[in-house]
Protein backbone atom coordinates (compact mmCIF):
# COMPACT_ATOMS: atom_id res chain seq x y z
CA MET A 1 63.34 94.00 35.83
CA ASP A 2 65.23 91.64 38.06
CA GLU A 3 67.29 92.48 41.12
CA GLN A 4 70.56 92.13 39.18
CA THR A 5 69.64 94.53 36.64
CA ILE A 6 68.29 96.88 39.09
CA ILE A 7 71.46 97.19 40.95
CA LEU A 8 73.70 97.45 37.78
CA VAL A 9 71.29 100.09 36.60
CA LEU A 10 71.39 102.10 39.72
CA SER A 11 74.97 101.90 40.28
CA ALA A 12 75.59 103.42 36.69
CA VAL A 13 73.15 106.24 37.12
CA MET A 14 74.88 106.80 40.38
CA PHE A 15 78.19 106.93 38.86
CA ILE A 16 77.16 109.34 36.06
CA GLY A 17 75.34 111.41 38.41
CA ALA A 18 78.21 111.83 40.97
CA PHE A 19 80.85 112.37 38.03
CA GLY A 20 78.22 114.75 36.21
CA PHE A 21 77.57 116.73 39.18
CA GLY A 22 81.27 117.10 40.41
CA TYR A 23 82.44 118.13 36.82
CA MET A 24 80.35 120.97 36.95
CA PRO A 25 82.74 123.08 39.36
CA LEU A 26 85.53 122.46 36.81
CA SER A 27 83.61 124.05 34.09
CA LEU A 28 81.07 126.50 35.38
CA GLU A 29 79.75 128.25 38.81
CA LEU A 30 76.75 127.49 41.09
CA SER A 31 75.66 129.48 43.68
CA SER A 32 76.26 128.52 47.13
CA ARG A 33 72.95 129.33 48.36
CA ARG A 34 71.34 126.58 45.90
CA LEU A 35 73.80 124.06 46.87
CA ASN A 36 73.01 124.62 50.45
CA GLN A 37 69.29 124.00 49.60
CA PHE A 38 70.12 120.75 48.02
CA MET A 39 72.17 119.53 50.88
CA ALA A 40 69.32 120.51 53.50
CA VAL A 41 66.90 118.43 51.36
CA GLY A 42 69.30 115.51 51.26
CA ALA A 43 69.84 115.63 55.07
CA GLY A 44 65.95 115.38 55.46
CA VAL A 45 65.87 112.58 53.05
CA LEU A 46 68.58 110.83 54.86
CA VAL A 47 67.16 111.03 58.44
CA ALA A 48 63.61 110.11 56.99
CA SER A 49 64.85 107.13 54.82
CA ALA A 50 66.91 105.87 57.83
CA PHE A 51 63.80 105.94 60.38
CA LEU A 52 60.81 105.27 57.95
CA VAL A 53 62.46 102.80 55.38
CA ILE A 54 65.82 101.30 56.35
CA ILE A 55 65.43 100.42 60.07
CA PRO A 56 61.69 99.14 59.74
CA GLU A 57 63.12 97.12 56.76
CA GLY A 58 65.87 95.69 58.64
CA LEU A 59 63.84 95.06 61.92
CA GLU A 60 61.47 92.93 59.80
CA LEU A 61 63.96 91.04 58.20
CA THR A 62 66.07 90.36 61.62
CA MET A 63 62.85 89.77 63.69
CA GLY A 64 61.51 87.21 61.06
CA GLY A 65 57.89 88.00 62.13
CA GLN A 66 58.72 87.34 65.83
CA GLY A 67 58.81 89.44 68.73
CA LEU A 68 62.27 91.43 69.69
CA ASP A 69 63.15 88.84 72.35
CA GLY A 70 62.18 85.78 69.88
CA ASP A 71 59.79 83.38 72.04
CA SER A 72 60.04 81.08 69.16
CA GLY A 73 63.75 80.78 69.26
CA ASP A 74 63.95 82.60 65.95
CA GLY A 75 64.15 86.19 66.99
CA ILE A 76 67.23 88.28 67.85
CA ASP A 77 68.12 90.22 71.00
CA ALA A 78 66.91 93.95 70.92
CA SER A 79 70.23 95.09 71.91
CA ILE A 80 71.98 93.57 68.99
CA LEU A 81 69.51 95.52 66.50
CA GLY A 82 70.32 98.62 68.26
CA GLY A 83 74.01 97.65 68.33
CA ALA A 84 74.03 97.43 64.62
CA ILE A 85 72.87 100.89 63.88
CA LEU A 86 75.14 102.21 66.71
CA ALA A 87 78.17 100.23 64.86
CA GLY A 88 77.32 102.17 61.60
CA PHE A 89 77.19 105.65 63.17
CA THR A 90 80.27 104.72 65.39
CA LEU A 91 82.40 103.66 62.47
CA MET A 92 81.68 106.97 60.59
CA LEU A 93 82.67 108.77 64.07
CA LEU A 94 85.87 106.73 64.15
CA LEU A 95 86.84 107.54 60.62
CA GLU A 96 86.19 111.45 61.11
CA ILE A 97 88.46 111.03 64.19
CA PHE A 98 91.34 109.58 62.18
CA GLY A 99 91.28 112.84 60.25
CA LEU A 100 90.88 111.90 56.53
CA PRO A 101 88.03 114.38 56.01
CA HIS A 102 89.45 117.30 58.23
CA ALA A 103 93.14 117.21 56.63
CA VAL A 104 91.94 119.93 54.22
CA HIS A 105 92.15 122.45 56.95
CA HIS A 106 96.02 122.18 57.05
CA GLU A 107 98.27 124.09 55.10
CA GLU A 108 100.04 121.36 53.35
CA ASP A 109 101.31 120.63 49.92
CA ARG A 110 98.23 120.92 47.69
CA ASP A 111 98.32 117.51 46.07
CA LEU A 112 98.35 115.78 49.74
CA LEU A 113 95.33 118.27 50.65
CA GLY A 114 93.45 117.03 47.77
CA LEU A 115 94.23 113.35 48.24
CA SER A 116 93.23 113.65 51.86
CA ALA A 117 89.93 115.18 50.97
CA THR A 118 89.23 112.72 48.21
CA LEU A 119 90.09 109.65 50.51
CA GLY A 120 87.95 110.97 53.26
CA LEU A 121 84.93 111.19 50.86
CA VAL A 122 85.62 107.86 49.47
CA ILE A 123 85.20 106.32 52.65
CA HIS A 124 81.87 107.86 53.09
CA SER A 125 81.01 106.80 49.62
CA ALA A 126 81.81 103.04 50.58
CA ALA A 127 79.18 103.42 53.45
CA ASP A 128 76.52 104.83 50.87
CA GLY A 129 77.49 101.64 48.54
CA LEU A 130 76.78 99.25 51.34
CA ALA A 131 73.72 100.86 52.14
CA LEU A 132 72.56 100.58 48.65
CA GLY A 133 73.77 97.00 47.87
CA ALA A 134 72.06 95.70 51.07
CA SER A 135 68.68 97.56 50.38
CA VAL A 136 68.36 96.15 46.90
CA THR A 137 68.83 92.74 48.24
CA SER A 138 66.04 93.40 50.64
CA SER A 139 63.45 94.67 48.28
CA THR A 140 63.37 97.02 44.98
CA GLU A 141 61.30 99.57 46.59
CA THR A 142 63.45 99.94 49.54
CA GLY A 143 66.49 100.14 47.02
CA LEU A 144 64.78 102.73 45.11
CA ILE A 145 64.11 105.13 48.19
CA VAL A 146 67.69 104.52 49.49
CA PHE A 147 69.16 105.30 46.15
CA ALA A 148 67.22 108.67 46.02
CA ALA A 149 68.61 109.37 49.58
CA ILE A 150 72.26 108.93 48.65
CA MET A 151 71.80 110.61 45.26
CA LEU A 152 70.35 113.81 46.88
CA HIS A 153 73.60 114.26 49.12
CA LYS A 154 76.21 112.64 46.78
CA GLY A 155 75.63 115.38 43.93
CA PRO A 156 76.54 118.17 46.25
CA THR A 157 79.16 116.18 47.67
CA ALA A 158 80.85 115.68 44.55
CA PHE A 159 80.26 119.33 43.51
CA GLY A 160 82.06 120.39 47.01
CA LEU A 161 85.00 118.13 46.48
CA ALA A 162 85.54 119.36 42.92
CA SER A 163 84.96 122.95 44.23
CA PHE A 164 87.54 122.42 46.78
CA LEU A 165 90.07 120.83 44.45
CA ARG A 166 89.74 123.72 42.19
CA HIS A 167 90.27 126.21 45.12
CA ILE A 168 93.74 124.79 46.11
CA GLN A 169 94.45 124.79 42.03
CA THR A 170 94.76 121.07 41.36
CA GLU A 171 95.58 120.50 37.85
CA LYS A 172 92.40 119.62 36.01
CA SER A 173 93.44 116.20 34.88
CA LYS A 174 94.35 115.27 38.39
CA ALA A 175 90.93 116.66 39.85
CA GLN A 176 89.17 114.54 37.28
CA LEU A 177 91.09 111.51 38.59
CA HIS A 178 90.08 112.31 42.04
CA LEU A 179 86.56 112.76 41.00
CA LEU A 180 86.61 109.67 39.08
CA LEU A 181 87.66 107.85 42.16
CA PHE A 182 84.87 109.33 44.21
CA ALA A 183 82.26 108.64 41.64
CA LEU A 184 83.32 104.80 41.36
CA THR A 185 83.45 103.96 44.79
CA SER A 186 79.80 103.62 45.82
CA PRO A 187 78.58 101.82 42.63
CA VAL A 188 81.57 99.26 43.07
CA VAL A 189 80.65 98.69 46.66
CA ALA A 190 77.09 98.44 45.97
CA ILE A 191 77.46 95.80 43.42
CA ALA A 192 80.01 93.75 45.79
CA THR A 193 77.58 93.97 48.70
CA PHE A 194 74.75 92.90 46.51
CA TYR A 195 76.39 89.83 45.50
CA ALA A 196 78.11 89.12 48.75
CA LEU A 197 74.59 89.10 50.19
CA LYS A 198 72.86 87.24 47.38
CA GLU A 199 75.23 84.72 46.15
CA SER A 200 76.98 83.63 49.33
CA ALA A 201 76.17 81.85 52.91
CA LEU A 202 75.72 85.43 54.05
CA ALA A 203 72.46 85.43 51.97
CA ASN A 204 70.01 85.28 54.68
CA ASP A 205 67.29 87.58 56.14
CA THR A 206 69.29 88.28 59.36
CA ASN A 207 72.53 89.21 57.64
CA ILE A 208 70.69 91.40 55.27
CA GLY A 209 68.63 93.05 58.09
CA LEU A 210 71.56 93.47 60.05
CA ALA A 211 73.53 95.31 57.09
CA LEU A 212 70.39 97.52 56.56
CA LEU A 213 70.46 98.61 60.35
CA PHE A 214 74.14 99.05 60.03
CA SER A 215 73.86 101.46 56.99
CA ALA A 216 70.95 103.24 58.72
CA GLY A 217 73.68 104.49 61.51
CA THR A 218 75.74 105.64 58.55
CA PHE A 219 72.89 107.64 57.14
CA LEU A 220 72.24 109.26 60.39
CA TYR A 221 75.80 110.19 61.12
CA VAL A 222 76.05 111.66 57.54
CA ALA A 223 72.67 113.76 57.89
CA THR A 224 73.34 114.77 61.65
CA VAL A 225 77.08 115.30 61.90
CA ASP A 226 78.41 116.15 58.29
CA ILE A 227 75.38 117.72 56.19
CA LEU A 228 73.30 119.66 59.04
CA PRO A 229 76.11 121.55 60.59
CA GLU A 230 77.49 122.51 57.18
CA VAL A 231 74.15 123.78 56.10
CA HIS A 232 73.73 125.79 59.14
CA SER A 233 77.04 127.23 58.59
CA HIS A 234 76.15 128.71 55.58
CA GLU A 235 72.56 129.69 56.32
CA HIS A 236 71.30 132.70 54.68
CA LYS A 237 69.39 135.23 56.76
CA SER A 238 66.44 135.46 54.49
CA GLU A 239 65.38 131.90 55.02
CA SER A 240 66.11 128.78 57.27
CA PRO A 241 67.29 125.62 56.13
CA ILE A 242 65.19 123.55 58.41
CA TRP A 243 62.27 124.18 56.05
CA TYR A 244 64.27 122.34 53.33
CA VAL A 245 65.19 119.50 55.75
CA ILE A 246 61.60 119.21 56.51
CA LEU A 247 60.63 119.14 52.73
CA GLY A 248 63.27 116.20 52.36
CA MET A 249 61.47 114.30 55.40
CA PHE A 250 58.14 114.90 53.99
CA LEU A 251 59.04 113.62 50.61
CA VAL A 252 60.34 110.39 52.04
CA PHE A 253 57.12 110.22 54.22
CA LEU A 254 54.93 110.78 51.31
CA THR A 255 56.70 108.18 49.28
CA THR A 256 56.29 105.46 51.86
CA LEU A 257 52.65 106.32 52.44
CA LEU A 258 51.81 106.10 48.88
CA GLY A 259 54.17 102.81 48.68
CA SER A 260 52.26 101.04 51.40
CA GLY A 261 48.91 102.02 49.66
CA HIS A 262 49.85 99.36 46.95
C-alpha cells in the first residue's frame, strides 16, 4: 500500500471514528469513569509518542545523520530543533489564551456557546491533522503510531463535545453539524499537509523533520495541559488515573520496541 492510499485510509477511519464516537452522547449514555480511563490512556500515548516516536524521527530527518552542530555543513542548529517543539507548544498555548475553548464557561447564548466550544476543538484538530500528515510523509510506521495516539484522545474529545452540546440543549441537527465540522478537520488538514510536504518544494527531509518536531510540541501540550488536568479533576477515589497514563506510555514503548526488532 503506497503512502497516498495510507493517508486517505487513515483520514477516512479518523473521520468515521470521531463522528461515530461523538454521535454516541446524542443517542446513548457512557459513564464518566470509563471516558476518564480512555482519556488517561490517550494522554500517556500522546506523551510517549512525542518522546519515543515523533521527536526521534524528526531529529533523524533534520540532522541527516550528522551531529547537532552539523560539522559537515548539512546539520541544523540544536536550538532550531528545540524551537520547533517549543513553537508547537506555544501555538496551542496562545490559542488557549485567546479563549476559544474556554468561552463555554460563560453564561451566553447557547448557540454562541456551542460554536465557541466547537471552534476551539477544531483548532486542536487541525494540529492533529498536521501531525498525521507529516508523520505519514516521514514513514508508514511513524504514521500508524501517531494515528493511534490521535484516535485515543479524539474519540473522548468528540464524545465530550457532543455531551456539552446536548447539555446546553443545542438542537440535534445543529449538534450534528458541529460534530461533522470537528470530525472533518483533522482528515482534511492531514491530507493537505501530506500533499504540501510530498508534492511541493517543501518536500525535503529538513522541512518534514521540523514539521514532526512542531507536531510533537502540540502533542505535549494537549497531553499535559488539556487532558491530564481534566483526568485528575474527575479522579475516582478507588483508582488513580496515573496507572492508565502509564499504560498508554507502555503501549507505545512496546510498539516501538517490537518495531525496532524488524
